[in-house]
Protein backbone atom coordinates (compact mmCIF):
# COMPACT_ATOMS: atom_id res chain seq x y z
CA MET A 1 6.45 -15.28 27.94
CA THR A 2 8.17 -14.26 24.71
CA LYS A 3 11.93 -14.69 25.06
CA SER A 4 14.42 -12.11 23.86
CA LEU A 5 16.17 -12.54 20.52
CA PRO A 6 19.71 -12.74 21.98
CA PHE A 7 18.55 -15.47 24.36
CA LEU A 8 17.00 -17.55 21.57
CA ILE A 9 19.99 -17.23 19.27
CA SER A 10 22.51 -18.03 22.01
CA LEU A 11 20.43 -21.06 23.06
CA SER A 12 20.25 -22.31 19.48
CA LEU A 13 23.93 -21.80 18.93
CA CYS A 14 24.77 -23.79 22.05
CA THR A 15 23.03 -26.81 20.50
CA ALA A 16 24.68 -26.42 17.09
CA TYR A 17 27.83 -28.27 16.19
CA ALA A 18 30.88 -26.03 16.21
CA HIS A 19 32.78 -25.83 12.94
CA SER A 20 35.75 -24.01 11.51
CA GLU A 21 37.12 -23.09 8.11
CA ASP A 22 38.78 -26.51 7.96
CA LYS A 23 36.02 -28.78 9.24
CA LEU A 24 32.55 -29.05 7.77
CA ILE A 25 29.90 -31.03 9.66
CA ALA A 26 27.48 -32.91 7.41
CA TYR A 27 26.41 -36.59 7.73
CA PRO A 28 28.27 -39.92 7.83
CA GLY A 29 29.91 -40.62 4.48
CA TYR A 30 29.70 -37.03 3.21
CA SER A 31 32.57 -36.27 0.83
CA GLY A 32 31.45 -33.07 -0.85
CA ASN A 33 32.64 -34.43 -4.20
CA TYR A 34 30.28 -35.11 -7.10
CA ALA A 35 31.18 -36.32 -10.58
CA GLY A 36 30.53 -33.62 -13.17
CA TYR A 37 30.31 -30.82 -10.60
CA THR A 38 32.94 -28.38 -9.27
CA LEU A 39 32.64 -26.56 -5.94
CA LYS A 40 32.60 -22.79 -6.54
CA VAL A 41 31.28 -21.39 -3.21
CA ASP A 42 31.95 -22.85 0.24
CA GLU A 43 30.01 -20.46 2.48
CA ARG A 44 30.61 -21.00 6.22
CA PHE A 45 28.84 -17.82 7.39
CA ASN A 46 31.80 -16.63 9.45
CA SER A 47 30.87 -13.09 8.34
CA PHE A 48 28.36 -11.48 6.01
CA ASN A 49 29.75 -11.74 2.47
CA SER A 50 28.44 -8.64 0.68
CA ASP A 51 30.25 -9.74 -2.50
CA LEU A 52 27.83 -12.66 -2.79
CA TRP A 53 24.65 -11.88 -0.83
CA GLN A 54 22.02 -9.23 -0.42
CA LYS A 55 19.22 -9.08 2.14
CA GLY A 56 15.67 -9.18 0.83
CA ASP A 57 13.28 -6.28 1.44
CA GLY A 58 10.01 -7.57 0.00
CA ALA A 59 7.43 -10.17 1.04
CA VAL A 60 6.02 -13.43 -0.31
CA GLY A 61 3.02 -12.00 -2.15
CA HIS A 62 -0.27 -11.84 -0.26
CA GLU A 63 0.48 -15.21 1.38
CA SER A 64 2.88 -13.78 3.96
CA SER A 65 2.14 -12.10 7.28
CA CYS A 66 5.66 -10.63 7.50
CA ARG A 67 7.99 -8.27 5.62
CA PHE A 68 11.63 -9.10 4.91
CA THR A 69 13.87 -6.63 6.73
CA PRO A 70 17.63 -6.26 7.37
CA GLN A 71 17.21 -7.23 11.04
CA GLY A 72 15.69 -10.52 9.88
CA VAL A 73 19.13 -11.65 8.63
CA GLN A 74 21.98 -12.08 11.12
CA VAL A 75 25.31 -13.85 10.62
CA ASP A 76 26.88 -14.79 13.93
CA LYS A 77 29.57 -17.28 15.00
CA GLY A 78 29.49 -19.31 11.81
CA VAL A 79 25.70 -19.52 11.50
CA LEU A 80 23.19 -17.67 9.34
CA ASN A 81 20.09 -16.85 11.39
CA LEU A 82 16.87 -15.94 9.58
CA ILE A 83 14.47 -14.46 12.11
CA VAL A 84 10.73 -13.86 12.36
CA ASN A 85 9.77 -11.34 15.03
CA ARG A 86 6.60 -9.57 16.15
CA GLU A 87 7.23 -5.90 15.37
CA VAL A 88 5.60 -3.28 13.19
CA VAL A 89 7.27 -2.77 9.80
CA PRO A 90 6.00 0.54 8.36
CA ALA A 91 4.80 0.77 4.76
CA SER A 92 7.73 1.52 2.47
CA TRP A 93 9.23 0.97 -0.98
CA SER A 94 10.68 -2.45 -1.86
CA GLU A 95 13.71 -2.40 -4.15
CA ASN A 96 13.36 -6.14 -4.76
CA HIS A 97 9.75 -5.85 -5.92
CA GLN A 98 9.90 -2.28 -7.25
CA GLN A 99 6.67 -1.35 -5.53
CA GLN A 100 5.30 0.12 -2.33
CA LYS A 101 4.62 -2.41 0.41
CA ARG A 102 1.93 -2.06 3.06
CA GLN A 103 2.54 -2.05 6.80
CA TYR A 104 3.23 -5.45 8.37
CA ASP A 105 2.98 -6.54 12.00
CA TYR A 106 5.89 -9.00 11.76
CA SER A 107 9.40 -8.87 10.34
CA CYS A 108 11.19 -11.82 8.74
CA GLY A 109 14.40 -12.65 6.87
CA GLU A 110 15.55 -13.41 3.34
CA LEU A 111 18.99 -13.81 1.75
CA ARG A 112 19.55 -13.88 -2.01
CA THR A 113 22.53 -13.91 -4.34
CA LEU A 114 23.46 -10.59 -5.91
CA PRO A 115 22.29 -9.96 -9.51
CA THR A 116 25.95 -10.21 -10.55
CA LYS A 117 26.07 -13.72 -9.03
CA ALA A 118 23.18 -15.28 -10.91
CA ILE A 119 23.28 -19.06 -11.33
CA LYS A 120 22.17 -21.52 -14.01
CA TYR A 121 22.39 -25.28 -13.35
CA GLY A 122 24.49 -26.86 -10.61
CA ARG A 123 24.20 -28.45 -7.19
CA PHE A 124 23.18 -26.41 -4.16
CA GLU A 125 23.56 -27.81 -0.63
CA THR A 126 22.91 -26.45 2.81
CA ARG A 127 22.96 -27.74 6.37
CA MET A 128 20.02 -26.17 8.16
CA LYS A 129 17.43 -26.63 10.87
CA THR A 130 14.09 -25.02 11.60
CA PRO A 131 12.94 -23.74 15.01
CA ALA A 132 11.88 -26.30 17.59
CA ARG A 133 8.36 -27.55 16.97
CA ALA A 134 7.34 -26.93 20.59
CA SER A 135 7.48 -23.17 19.95
CA ALA A 136 6.96 -22.88 16.18
CA SER A 137 3.78 -24.25 14.59
CA GLY A 138 3.38 -22.06 11.50
CA TYR A 139 6.22 -21.03 9.21
CA ILE A 140 8.01 -21.73 5.91
CA SER A 141 11.83 -22.18 5.74
CA SER A 142 13.52 -22.62 2.38
CA LEU A 143 16.35 -22.99 -0.08
CA PHE A 144 15.35 -22.25 -3.67
CA THR A 145 16.10 -20.80 -7.09
CA TYR A 146 13.85 -18.05 -8.43
CA THR A 147 13.44 -15.77 -11.42
CA ASN A 148 10.37 -14.15 -12.95
CA THR A 149 11.66 -12.03 -15.81
CA GLY A 150 12.13 -11.87 -19.58
CA THR A 151 9.96 -11.40 -22.65
CA PRO A 152 7.76 -13.36 -22.49
CA ARG A 153 7.94 -13.35 -18.71
CA GLU A 154 8.92 -16.76 -17.33
CA TRP A 155 8.39 -17.78 -13.71
CA GLU A 156 11.05 -20.40 -12.97
CA GLU A 157 11.45 -21.73 -9.41
CA ILE A 158 12.96 -24.86 -7.83
CA ASP A 159 12.21 -25.20 -4.12
CA ILE A 160 13.07 -26.90 -0.90
CA GLU A 161 10.43 -25.87 1.64
CA LEU A 162 10.02 -26.89 5.29
CA GLU A 163 6.77 -26.14 7.11
CA GLY A 164 5.87 -25.68 10.76
CA GLY A 165 2.68 -27.65 10.23
CA ARG A 166 4.61 -30.66 8.86
CA PRO A 167 7.80 -30.78 10.98
CA ASP A 168 8.77 -34.24 9.71
CA LYS A 169 8.32 -33.55 6.01
CA PHE A 170 10.24 -32.00 3.14
CA GLN A 171 8.46 -30.26 0.26
CA ALA A 172 10.13 -30.39 -3.16
CA ASN A 173 8.68 -28.04 -5.81
CA LEU A 174 9.09 -27.05 -9.42
CA ILE A 175 7.06 -23.95 -10.29
CA TYR A 176 6.82 -22.68 -13.87
CA GLY A 177 4.60 -20.16 -15.62
CA LEU A 178 4.65 -18.19 -18.86
CA ASP A 179 3.34 -14.66 -18.28
CA ALA A 180 1.70 -16.00 -15.12
CA ALA A 181 0.78 -13.09 -12.88
CA SER A 182 0.07 -15.27 -9.84
CA TRP A 183 0.97 -18.62 -8.32
CA THR A 184 -2.54 -19.87 -9.14
CA GLN A 185 -1.91 -19.31 -12.86
CA THR A 186 1.26 -21.43 -12.73
CA ARG A 187 -0.95 -24.46 -12.04
CA ASP A 188 -1.61 -24.64 -15.81
CA TRP A 189 1.99 -25.91 -16.12
CA GLY A 190 1.53 -28.55 -13.44
CA ALA A 191 1.54 -28.84 -9.66
CA TRP A 192 5.00 -30.39 -9.30
CA GLU A 193 4.97 -30.54 -5.51
CA ASP A 194 5.61 -33.44 -3.14
CA LYS A 195 5.55 -33.54 0.64
CA ILE A 196 8.05 -36.26 1.53
CA GLN A 197 8.43 -37.88 4.96
CA ILE A 198 12.06 -37.47 6.08
CA GLY A 199 11.94 -37.19 9.87
CA PRO A 200 12.59 -34.11 12.03
CA VAL A 201 13.44 -30.87 10.21
CA ASP A 202 13.95 -29.05 13.52
CA GLU A 203 17.22 -30.98 13.76
CA TRP A 204 20.27 -30.34 11.58
CA ARG A 205 19.76 -31.81 8.08
CA VAL A 206 21.73 -31.52 4.84
CA LEU A 207 19.42 -30.65 1.96
CA ALA A 208 20.42 -30.37 -1.70
CA ILE A 209 19.12 -29.64 -5.20
CA GLU A 210 20.76 -30.80 -8.43
CA TRP A 211 19.60 -28.86 -11.50
CA THR A 212 20.64 -29.84 -15.02
CA PRO A 213 19.14 -29.24 -18.50
CA THR A 214 17.37 -32.61 -18.39
CA PHE A 215 16.48 -33.30 -14.74
CA ILE A 216 16.10 -31.90 -11.23
CA LYS A 217 16.91 -34.01 -8.15
CA TRP A 218 16.35 -33.40 -4.45
CA TYR A 219 18.45 -34.97 -1.67
CA VAL A 220 18.18 -35.22 2.12
CA ASP A 221 21.33 -36.23 4.04
CA GLY A 222 22.75 -37.66 0.82
CA ALA A 223 19.68 -39.77 -0.03
CA LEU A 224 17.83 -39.06 -3.28
CA VAL A 225 14.18 -38.32 -2.40
CA LYS A 226 12.73 -36.98 -5.66
CA THR A 227 13.56 -36.75 -9.37
CA LEU A 228 11.82 -34.80 -12.13
CA ASP A 229 13.01 -35.27 -15.70
CA GLN A 230 11.78 -33.75 -18.93
CA SER A 231 9.79 -36.85 -19.91
CA GLN A 232 7.57 -36.35 -16.86
CA LEU A 233 6.87 -32.72 -17.75
CA ASP A 234 6.32 -32.64 -21.51
CA CYS A 235 2.68 -33.85 -21.73
CA LYS A 236 3.58 -36.90 -23.83
CA PRO A 237 1.47 -38.92 -24.37
CA ALA A 238 -0.76 -36.85 -22.06
CA CYS A 239 -0.43 -34.12 -19.47
CA ALA A 240 -0.36 -34.98 -15.79
CA PRO A 241 -3.64 -34.50 -13.88
CA GLY A 242 -4.39 -30.77 -13.72
CA GLN A 243 -1.56 -29.84 -16.09
CA LYS A 244 -2.62 -28.01 -19.29
CA ASN A 245 0.73 -27.06 -20.85
CA PRO A 246 4.10 -28.79 -21.25
CA THR A 247 6.60 -27.64 -18.62
CA PRO A 248 10.26 -27.03 -19.47
CA ILE A 249 13.13 -27.65 -17.07
CA PRO A 250 14.15 -24.10 -16.02
CA ASP A 251 16.92 -22.74 -18.25
CA ASN A 252 17.35 -19.08 -17.28
CA LEU A 253 19.86 -17.37 -15.03
CA THR A 254 18.33 -17.08 -11.58
CA SER A 255 18.90 -16.12 -7.96
CA LEU A 256 19.68 -18.62 -5.21
CA MET A 257 17.65 -17.71 -2.14
CA MET A 258 16.86 -18.64 1.45
CA ASN A 259 13.98 -17.20 3.40
CA PHE A 260 11.94 -17.70 6.56
CA TRP A 261 8.40 -16.35 6.85
CA ILE A 262 4.96 -16.96 8.34
CA PRO A 263 1.76 -17.58 6.34
CA ASN A 264 -1.32 -15.42 6.61
CA ASP A 265 -4.50 -16.65 8.29
CA GLU A 266 -6.11 -17.46 4.94
CA ILE A 267 -3.58 -20.10 3.88
CA GLN A 268 -1.98 -21.23 7.15
CA ASP A 269 -4.09 -24.36 7.59
CA VAL A 270 -3.19 -25.51 4.06
CA PHE A 271 0.41 -24.32 3.77
CA GLY A 272 2.93 -23.45 6.47
CA GLY A 273 0.90 -24.39 9.53
CA ASN A 274 -1.34 -22.59 12.00
CA LYS A 275 0.60 -19.85 13.81
CA LYS A 276 -1.14 -20.28 17.17
CA GLY A 277 1.86 -22.13 18.66
CA ASN A 278 4.50 -19.64 17.51
CA VAL A 279 6.70 -18.00 20.13
CA TYR A 280 8.52 -14.94 18.78
CA PRO A 281 11.19 -14.30 17.84
CA MET A 282 11.69 -17.55 15.89
CA VAL A 283 14.95 -18.53 14.18
CA THR A 284 15.82 -20.84 11.29
CA GLN A 285 19.56 -21.55 11.10
CA TYR A 286 21.92 -22.36 8.24
CA ASP A 287 25.31 -23.79 9.19
CA TRP A 288 26.84 -23.70 5.72
CA LEU A 289 25.92 -23.49 2.05
CA ARG A 290 27.76 -24.81 -1.02
CA ILE A 291 27.32 -23.88 -4.69
CA TYR A 292 28.67 -26.30 -7.30
CA GLN A 293 28.75 -25.56 -11.00
CA LEU A 294 27.60 -28.17 -13.51
CA ASP A 295 30.85 -28.57 -15.44
CA GLU A 296 29.02 -28.92 -18.77
CA HIS A 297 27.63 -25.42 -18.14
CA PRO A 298 30.28 -23.48 -16.16
CA LEU A 299 29.32 -20.54 -13.97
CA THR A 300 31.15 -17.66 -15.63
CA ASN A 301 30.62 -15.14 -12.80
CA TYR A 302 32.14 -17.17 -9.93
């Protein structure tokens, strides 16, 4: 039987560690201090901060079976809940995508920084957990940077992705494309994706991205799990397998985003996981999020 949303959220919150403005739960040895970086945002999700965040209203291309809606984002008792639920979302206009969206049979949640709070370089950390694997077999939970603008149009994206079909792995991505109309076209700039064994993601974990002009690093509970630097991307002396063009480290202002969605039937057995074990509503939770500026490139709008 599908449980009610209030029941699921209250159950999840009972298992979360309580925290306050003064105490931040992370992992043993966490200091929150990093040489060359300055903390600019310490988001504890004690209320919805409309001066920093906006709720998404689009969808993840044709890959998604759900539409981002306001009810898919709830801030309650110091936790951000992103929610996937089985409910009809009528066709309507998306401000995020500037186009009409079709009807969907599921709703889901996305949070993104306001356009006035764009970021470029820094360290981005969150403490999060996905829904329990016993009742969630197909989904994608995330923390990532994203922009797809400019002339020429540049797709620049740095991802942390957690999948229902791989509940003990962490996917670290760099996606780049120049005037690339689809994800498939970005493959010409390299498939910079790794699925890294880290243990349960349906338990609280601290995940982080460091983004600088010369490298990108991914961390899990303080441990470095992946590094990409420019020498790996520039096709010298040769491109990586499948790569046709040199790939730059992203260097444009971008949004910082979190979303939670379910894949469509076409891709679910390759990415996200088969949805047959999903019990709705499902919730991914974020306990806190921190934005650090790279001091060599200060954030002027924070």
